[in-house]
Amino acid sequence: MEVFHHQDEAYARWRADHPAGYVLNVRPGDPPALHRATCRSLRAVGSTRGKSSTSIPKVCGTDRSELAAWARVAGRSIEPCGNCGV
């Protein structure tokens, strides 16, 4: 499991190297959204008009249960993405 915050290039490499992986989009004030690494709703690096695609932290991993455990430890529940069918 890796956390990317203001690390767009490393995040892009992780997603490319782990197409079967998962990404938690850790939004402030909302439950973290769980996505497949290939989800179309995750912004690609450079697609945010000068903003970092990891300005909102991304917790990435290949084990969905490990990401759920991370969320529980942080006192949060996961919201599945409606686009990628997680």
Protein backbone atom coordinates (compact mmCIF):
# COMPACT_ATOMS: atom_id res chain seq x y z
CA MET A 1 0.00 0.00 0.00
CA GLU A 2 1.29 3.46 -0.91
CA VAL A 3 0.04 6.98 -0.25
CA PHE A 4 0.54 9.68 -2.89
CA HIS A 5 0.04 13.34 -1.97
CA HIS A 6 1.39 15.99 -4.37
CA GLN A 7 3.33 13.20 -6.13
CA ASP A 8 1.69 13.07 -9.56
CA GLU A 9 4.45 11.30 -11.45
CA ALA A 10 4.86 8.54 -8.85
CA TYR A 11 1.08 8.10 -8.70
CA ALA A 12 0.85 7.83 -12.51
CA ARG A 13 3.63 5.20 -12.50
CA TRP A 14 1.87 3.23 -9.75
CA ARG A 15 -1.42 3.19 -11.69
CA ALA A 16 0.35 2.12 -14.89
CA ASP A 17 2.22 -0.65 -13.06
CA HIS A 18 -0.86 -1.91 -11.15
CA PRO A 19 -3.86 -1.94 -13.54
CA ALA A 20 -5.60 -4.51 -11.33
CA GLY A 21 -5.04 -2.36 -8.23
CA TYR A 22 -7.29 -0.03 -6.26
CA VAL A 23 -7.19 3.67 -5.40
CA LEU A 24 -8.81 5.36 -2.40
CA ASN A 25 -9.48 9.00 -3.19
CA VAL A 26 -9.30 10.56 0.29
CA ARG A 27 -11.63 13.54 0.05
CA PRO A 28 -11.84 15.90 3.04
CA GLY A 29 -15.21 15.73 4.78
CA ASP A 30 -16.45 12.80 2.66
CA PRO A 31 -15.88 9.05 2.83
CA PRO A 32 -12.86 7.93 0.79
CA ALA A 33 -14.00 6.78 -2.64
CA LEU A 34 -12.72 3.37 -3.74
CA HIS A 35 -11.84 3.04 -7.44
CA ARG A 36 -10.15 0.51 -9.66
CA ALA A 37 -6.75 1.86 -10.75
CA THR A 38 -8.08 2.03 -14.31
CA CYS A 39 -11.26 3.97 -13.42
CA ARG A 40 -12.10 6.71 -15.92
CA SER A 41 -13.22 9.02 -13.12
CA LEU A 42 -9.67 9.27 -11.73
CA ARG A 43 -7.92 12.21 -13.34
CA ALA A 44 -4.85 11.57 -15.39
CA VAL A 45 -1.68 13.46 -14.56
CA GLY A 46 -1.71 16.81 -16.35
CA SER A 47 -5.46 16.81 -16.96
CA THR A 48 -6.31 19.21 -14.15
CA ARG A 49 -5.19 22.50 -15.76
CA GLY A 50 -2.10 22.98 -13.66
CA LYS A 51 -3.50 21.41 -10.49
CA SER A 52 -1.98 18.32 -8.95
CA SER A 53 -3.97 15.13 -9.54
CA THR A 54 -2.78 14.11 -6.09
CA SER A 55 -3.70 17.33 -4.29
CA ILE A 56 -6.28 15.05 -2.66
CA PRO A 57 -4.32 12.13 -1.19
CA LYS A 58 -4.55 8.79 -2.97
CA VAL A 59 -4.05 5.57 -1.02
CA CYS A 60 -3.19 2.84 -3.50
CA GLY A 61 -2.91 -0.90 -3.12
CA THR A 62 -3.49 -4.26 -4.73
CA ASP A 63 -5.52 -5.65 -1.83
CA ARG A 64 -8.97 -4.15 -1.39
CA SER A 65 -9.26 -5.44 2.19
CA GLU A 66 -5.98 -3.70 3.11
CA LEU A 67 -7.43 -0.38 1.90
CA ALA A 68 -10.64 -1.02 3.87
CA ALA A 69 -8.52 -1.68 6.98
CA TRP A 70 -6.62 1.60 6.38
CA ALA A 71 -9.95 3.45 6.26
CA ARG A 72 -11.18 1.79 9.46
CA VAL A 73 -7.99 2.73 11.33
CA ALA A 74 -8.50 6.31 10.09
CA GLY A 75 -12.09 6.15 11.45
CA ARG A 76 -13.68 6.29 8.02
CA SER A 77 -15.80 4.06 5.84
CA ILE A 78 -15.28 3.52 2.11
CA GLU A 79 -17.69 4.66 -0.56
CA PRO A 80 -17.49 2.49 -3.69
CA CYS A 81 -17.22 4.24 -7.07
CA GLY A 82 -20.35 4.05 -9.18
CA ASN A 83 -18.38 4.22 -12.43
CA CYS A 84 -15.94 1.34 -12.18
CA GLY A 85 -18.08 -1.19 -10.34
CA VAL A 86 -15.89 -1.67 -7.29
